[in-house]
Amino acid sequence: MSEASEDFTNRVAVVTGGSRGIGAGIAVTLARAGARVVVCGRDQAALAKVVGMITQAGGVAHAATGDVTREDDVRALRDEAERVYGPVSLLAACAGGGGELKPLAEETLEHWRTTLDANLTSAFLTLRTFLPAMLQARRGAIVTMSSSAGRQLSGASAPYTAAKAGLQSLTRQVAAEAAPYGVRVNAIAPSAIITDRLAAAPESVRDQIAMGFPLRRLGTVSDVAEAAMFLLGDRSDWITGVTLDVAGGRVML
């Protein structure tokens, strides 16, 4: 990853879905910029690895195990973050997942609900829990993690695309409510990012996918992390309610 381009010294950040992939990348980048980062996820061993990376590099981080589709877990996450580091002013709601891909006619209600909970309900609970203190402090910046699948037709499942499109609308709604208090809320919509699944694919497959993007390459975790840093930082102080496409130009096609 590139050197941090924002200064978040002593600001407290919470990153959900932070045990791997994009969430982990954002957590590491925030810590490099001086933030005290609470990294949340369900995989305790993976969280420990991320926190270890941060602390070995001289950063400050704390692991908080929890499932952000559960209201009690999200409240516990907020309380733990405030107890360990103090008031939270930066929030990256990255928890989510694609789930099993199948045609709509073969979808089950259980899979529909599970996918919406993972990608949309988790963000709702996280924003609802952390926003009040930011509004009271009249300070804060939030990013949610949508997807290009919520912006255009894709090979993703119907519940996943519905959840990610809904997350963009939720982001705009919360941004409008929070704006009078000086709190900003924006979404990021990545496309084909090299995380575990794409990294495991043969190089020929990755090259073929990359050719479908105007910029002729796949995205990296660093691409998304730098976008998050911009939206969370002071350089975007007059930007709220937007969805930033980190998609190699694909969405314009």
Protein backbone atom coordinates (compact mmCIF):
# COMPACT_ATOMS: atom_id res chain seq x y z
CA MET A 1 0.00 0.00 0.00
CA SER A 2 1.09 3.57 -0.60
CA GLU A 3 2.01 5.95 2.17
CA ALA A 4 -0.94 7.51 3.98
CA SER A 5 -1.94 10.84 2.45
CA GLU A 6 -4.16 12.08 5.31
CA ASP A 7 -3.38 12.85 8.94
CA PHE A 8 -5.78 11.21 11.39
CA THR A 9 -3.52 11.46 14.42
CA ASN A 10 -5.34 10.46 17.62
CA ARG A 11 -8.74 10.19 15.90
CA VAL A 12 -10.69 7.04 16.75
CA ALA A 13 -11.86 4.88 13.87
CA VAL A 14 -14.02 1.77 13.76
CA VAL A 15 -13.85 -0.58 10.78
CA THR A 16 -16.42 -3.36 10.51
CA GLY A 17 -15.66 -6.29 8.26
CA GLY A 18 -12.05 -5.51 9.09
CA SER A 19 -10.64 -9.01 9.42
CA ARG A 20 -9.71 -9.38 5.74
CA GLY A 21 -9.87 -7.88 2.27
CA ILE A 22 -11.02 -4.30 1.81
CA GLY A 23 -11.91 -3.76 5.47
CA ALA A 24 -8.46 -4.90 6.61
CA GLY A 25 -6.83 -2.64 4.03
CA ILE A 26 -8.77 0.37 5.25
CA ALA A 27 -7.92 -0.43 8.88
CA VAL A 28 -4.20 -0.68 8.11
CA THR A 29 -4.23 2.54 6.08
CA LEU A 30 -6.10 4.47 8.76
CA ALA A 31 -3.64 3.29 11.41
CA ARG A 32 -0.70 4.31 9.23
CA ALA A 33 -2.23 7.79 9.12
CA GLY A 34 -2.27 7.97 12.91
CA ALA A 35 -5.80 6.85 13.77
CA ARG A 36 -6.48 4.59 16.71
CA VAL A 37 -8.39 1.80 15.00
CA VAL A 38 -10.91 -0.68 16.36
CA VAL A 39 -11.10 -3.56 13.90
CA CYS A 40 -14.30 -5.60 14.07
CA GLY A 41 -15.13 -8.98 12.56
CA ARG A 42 -16.26 -12.49 13.41
CA ASP A 43 -12.94 -14.28 12.84
CA GLN A 44 -10.84 -13.76 15.95
CA ALA A 45 -7.66 -15.22 14.43
CA ALA A 46 -7.94 -13.06 11.31
CA LEU A 47 -8.56 -9.96 13.43
CA ALA A 48 -5.47 -10.73 15.49
CA LYS A 49 -3.43 -10.93 12.29
CA VAL A 50 -4.63 -7.51 11.12
CA VAL A 51 -4.01 -5.92 14.51
CA GLY A 52 -0.58 -7.55 14.58
CA MET A 53 0.29 -6.00 11.21
CA ILE A 54 -0.75 -2.59 12.48
CA THR A 55 1.08 -2.74 15.80
CA GLN A 56 4.26 -4.15 14.28
CA ALA A 57 4.28 -1.15 11.95
CA GLY A 58 4.00 1.20 14.93
CA GLY A 59 0.25 1.82 14.71
CA VAL A 60 -2.45 1.53 17.35
CA ALA A 61 -5.27 -0.97 16.96
CA HIS A 62 -7.67 -3.10 18.95
CA ALA A 63 -9.59 -6.21 17.87
CA ALA A 64 -13.30 -6.46 18.70
CA THR A 65 -15.00 -9.72 17.82
CA GLY A 66 -18.66 -9.41 16.89
CA ASP A 67 -21.40 -9.98 14.35
CA VAL A 68 -22.73 -6.63 13.12
CA THR A 69 -25.99 -8.18 11.93
CA ARG A 70 -26.82 -8.46 15.65
CA GLU A 71 -27.97 -5.34 17.45
CA ASP A 72 -26.44 -6.31 20.79
CA ASP A 73 -23.07 -6.98 19.17
CA VAL A 74 -23.04 -3.56 17.49
CA ARG A 75 -23.87 -1.82 20.76
CA ALA A 76 -21.11 -3.79 22.46
CA LEU A 77 -18.71 -2.75 19.70
CA ARG A 78 -19.53 0.93 20.27
CA ASP A 79 -19.13 0.60 24.03
CA GLU A 80 -15.83 -1.25 23.66
CA ALA A 81 -14.43 1.30 21.20
CA GLU A 82 -15.34 4.20 23.49
CA ARG A 83 -13.94 2.41 26.53
CA VAL A 84 -10.63 1.56 24.87
CA TYR A 85 -9.94 4.70 22.81
CA GLY A 86 -12.69 7.27 23.39
CA PRO A 87 -15.32 8.89 21.14
CA VAL A 88 -15.47 7.50 17.60
CA SER A 89 -15.27 10.09 14.80
CA LEU A 90 -14.41 7.85 11.83
CA LEU A 91 -16.47 4.85 10.74
CA ALA A 92 -15.97 2.46 7.83
CA ALA A 93 -18.89 0.04 7.53
CA CYS A 94 -17.32 -2.66 5.36
CA ALA A 95 -19.08 -5.81 6.59
CA GLY A 96 -20.84 -7.80 3.90
CA GLY A 97 -20.53 -10.66 1.48
CA GLY A 98 -21.81 -11.95 -1.82
CA GLY A 99 -23.24 -15.26 -0.77
CA GLU A 100 -24.04 -18.08 -3.14
CA LEU A 101 -24.78 -17.04 -6.73
CA LYS A 102 -27.98 -18.49 -8.20
CA PRO A 103 -30.83 -17.38 -10.47
CA LEU A 104 -33.70 -15.57 -8.76
CA ALA A 105 -36.09 -18.43 -9.51
CA GLU A 106 -33.86 -20.67 -7.41
CA GLU A 107 -33.35 -18.24 -4.54
CA THR A 108 -34.61 -19.16 -1.09
CA LEU A 109 -36.09 -16.79 1.42
CA GLU A 110 -33.38 -17.80 3.87
CA HIS A 111 -30.59 -16.85 1.45
CA TRP A 112 -32.34 -13.59 0.57
CA ARG A 113 -32.60 -12.59 4.22
CA THR A 114 -29.06 -13.70 5.05
CA THR A 115 -27.59 -11.68 2.18
CA LEU A 116 -29.60 -8.55 2.98
CA ASP A 117 -28.68 -8.85 6.64
CA ALA A 118 -24.98 -9.17 5.85
CA ASN A 119 -24.85 -6.22 3.46
CA LEU A 120 -27.69 -3.86 4.38
CA THR A 121 -29.01 -4.58 7.87
CA SER A 122 -25.44 -4.63 9.19
CA ALA A 123 -24.88 -1.11 7.84
CA PHE A 124 -28.22 0.10 9.21
CA LEU A 125 -27.39 -1.18 12.68
CA THR A 126 -23.86 0.21 12.56
CA LEU A 127 -24.89 3.68 11.40
CA ARG A 128 -27.81 3.87 13.81
CA THR A 129 -25.56 2.92 16.73
CA PHE A 130 -22.55 5.16 16.02
CA LEU A 131 -24.26 8.19 14.49
CA PRO A 132 -25.88 9.75 17.60
CA ALA A 133 -22.56 10.48 19.33
CA MET A 134 -21.17 12.00 16.14
CA LEU A 135 -24.22 14.22 15.78
CA GLN A 136 -23.87 15.36 19.37
CA ALA A 137 -20.17 16.12 18.88
CA ARG A 138 -20.93 17.75 15.52
CA ARG A 139 -18.00 15.91 14.05
CA GLY A 140 -17.61 12.70 12.10
CA ALA A 141 -17.15 11.00 8.75
CA ILE A 142 -18.60 7.69 7.64
CA VAL A 143 -18.09 5.48 4.60
CA THR A 144 -20.27 2.53 3.68
CA MET A 145 -19.14 -0.21 1.32
CA SER A 146 -21.49 -0.71 -1.61
CA SER A 147 -20.55 -2.33 -4.93
CA SER A 148 -20.71 -1.69 -8.65
CA ALA A 149 -23.27 -4.53 -8.57
CA GLY A 150 -25.63 -2.01 -7.02
CA ARG A 151 -24.96 0.46 -9.83
CA GLN A 152 -25.35 -1.65 -12.98
CA LEU A 153 -26.15 -5.17 -14.17
CA SER A 154 -23.54 -7.68 -13.08
CA GLY A 155 -23.01 -11.36 -12.47
CA ALA A 156 -23.91 -11.01 -8.80
CA SER A 157 -26.98 -12.52 -7.15
CA ALA A 158 -30.30 -10.69 -6.94
CA PRO A 159 -30.24 -10.28 -3.15
CA TYR A 160 -26.67 -8.97 -3.26
CA THR A 161 -27.43 -6.38 -5.95
CA ALA A 162 -30.60 -5.35 -4.13
CA ALA A 163 -28.71 -4.97 -0.86
CA LYS A 164 -25.92 -2.90 -2.39
CA ALA A 165 -28.35 -0.64 -4.24
CA GLY A 166 -30.32 -0.23 -1.02
CA LEU A 167 -27.12 0.65 0.81
CA GLN A 168 -26.53 3.55 -1.56
CA SER A 169 -30.01 4.90 -0.83
CA LEU A 170 -29.51 4.40 2.89
CA THR A 171 -26.23 6.31 2.67
CA ARG A 172 -27.89 9.28 0.95
CA GLN A 173 -30.74 9.31 3.49
CA VAL A 174 -28.38 9.29 6.47
CA ALA A 175 -26.15 11.88 4.81
CA ALA A 176 -29.11 14.25 4.46
CA GLU A 177 -30.07 13.78 8.11
CA ALA A 178 -26.51 14.21 9.38
CA ALA A 179 -25.40 17.12 7.21
CA PRO A 180 -26.81 19.91 9.44
CA TYR A 181 -24.63 18.56 12.25
CA GLY A 182 -21.43 18.59 10.18
CA VAL A 183 -21.27 14.81 9.88
CA ARG A 184 -20.58 13.42 6.41
CA VAL A 185 -21.71 10.04 5.05
CA ASN A 186 -20.58 8.63 1.70
CA ALA A 187 -20.49 5.27 -0.06
CA ILE A 188 -17.81 3.51 -2.07
CA ALA A 189 -18.78 1.14 -4.89
CA PRO A 190 -15.85 -1.10 -5.85
CA SER A 191 -15.86 -3.53 -8.73
CA ALA A 192 -13.40 -6.39 -9.34
CA ILE A 193 -10.94 -6.01 -6.46
CA ILE A 194 -8.10 -8.48 -5.96
CA THR A 195 -9.03 -10.04 -2.64
CA ASP A 196 -8.93 -13.74 -1.73
CA ARG A 197 -11.30 -15.01 -4.43
CA LEU A 198 -9.71 -13.20 -7.37
CA ALA A 199 -6.21 -13.74 -6.01
CA ALA A 200 -6.84 -17.50 -6.13
CA ALA A 201 -8.01 -17.41 -9.75
CA PRO A 202 -5.56 -18.31 -12.55
CA GLU A 203 -3.67 -15.38 -14.01
CA SER A 204 -5.32 -15.97 -17.38
CA VAL A 205 -8.76 -15.56 -15.79
CA ARG A 206 -7.72 -12.36 -14.04
CA ASP A 207 -6.32 -10.99 -17.30
CA GLN A 208 -9.56 -11.79 -19.10
CA ILE A 209 -11.63 -10.02 -16.44
CA ALA A 210 -9.31 -7.02 -16.52
CA MET A 211 -9.89 -6.54 -20.24
CA GLY A 212 -13.54 -5.76 -19.48
CA PHE A 213 -12.50 -2.55 -17.71
CA PRO A 214 -11.57 0.65 -19.58
CA LEU A 215 -8.41 0.98 -17.46
CA ARG A 216 -7.47 -2.61 -18.40
CA ARG A 217 -6.59 -3.82 -14.91
CA LEU A 218 -8.24 -5.16 -11.81
CA GLY A 219 -8.62 -3.05 -8.71
CA THR A 220 -6.52 -3.45 -5.58
CA VAL A 221 -7.38 -3.16 -1.92
CA SER A 222 -5.16 -0.09 -1.86
CA ASP A 223 -7.33 1.56 -4.54
CA VAL A 224 -10.36 1.25 -2.28
CA ALA A 225 -8.49 2.15 0.91
CA GLU A 226 -7.20 5.39 -0.62
CA ALA A 227 -10.73 6.30 -1.72
CA ALA A 228 -11.92 5.69 1.84
CA MET A 229 -9.12 7.87 3.21
CA PHE A 230 -10.19 10.70 0.93
CA LEU A 231 -13.86 10.46 1.92
CA LEU A 232 -13.04 10.19 5.62
CA GLY A 233 -10.50 13.01 5.55
CA ASP A 234 -10.61 16.78 5.57
CA ARG A 235 -9.91 17.11 1.84
CA SER A 236 -13.48 15.95 1.16
CA ASP A 237 -15.00 18.24 3.77
CA TRP A 238 -17.68 19.51 1.34
CA ILE A 239 -18.63 16.09 -0.02
CA THR A 240 -21.50 14.07 1.42
CA GLY A 241 -24.18 11.73 0.15
CA VAL A 242 -22.19 10.52 -2.85
CA THR A 243 -21.35 7.06 -4.12
CA LEU A 244 -17.76 6.96 -5.37
CA ASP A 245 -17.17 4.32 -8.04
CA VAL A 246 -13.82 2.59 -7.65
CA ALA A 247 -14.37 0.46 -10.70
CA GLY A 248 -11.78 1.16 -13.36
CA GLY A 249 -14.29 3.05 -15.49
CA ARG A 250 -16.61 0.06 -15.81
CA VAL A 251 -19.73 1.86 -14.53
CA MET A 252 -19.63 4.39 -17.37
CA LEU A 253 -20.03 1.67 -19.99
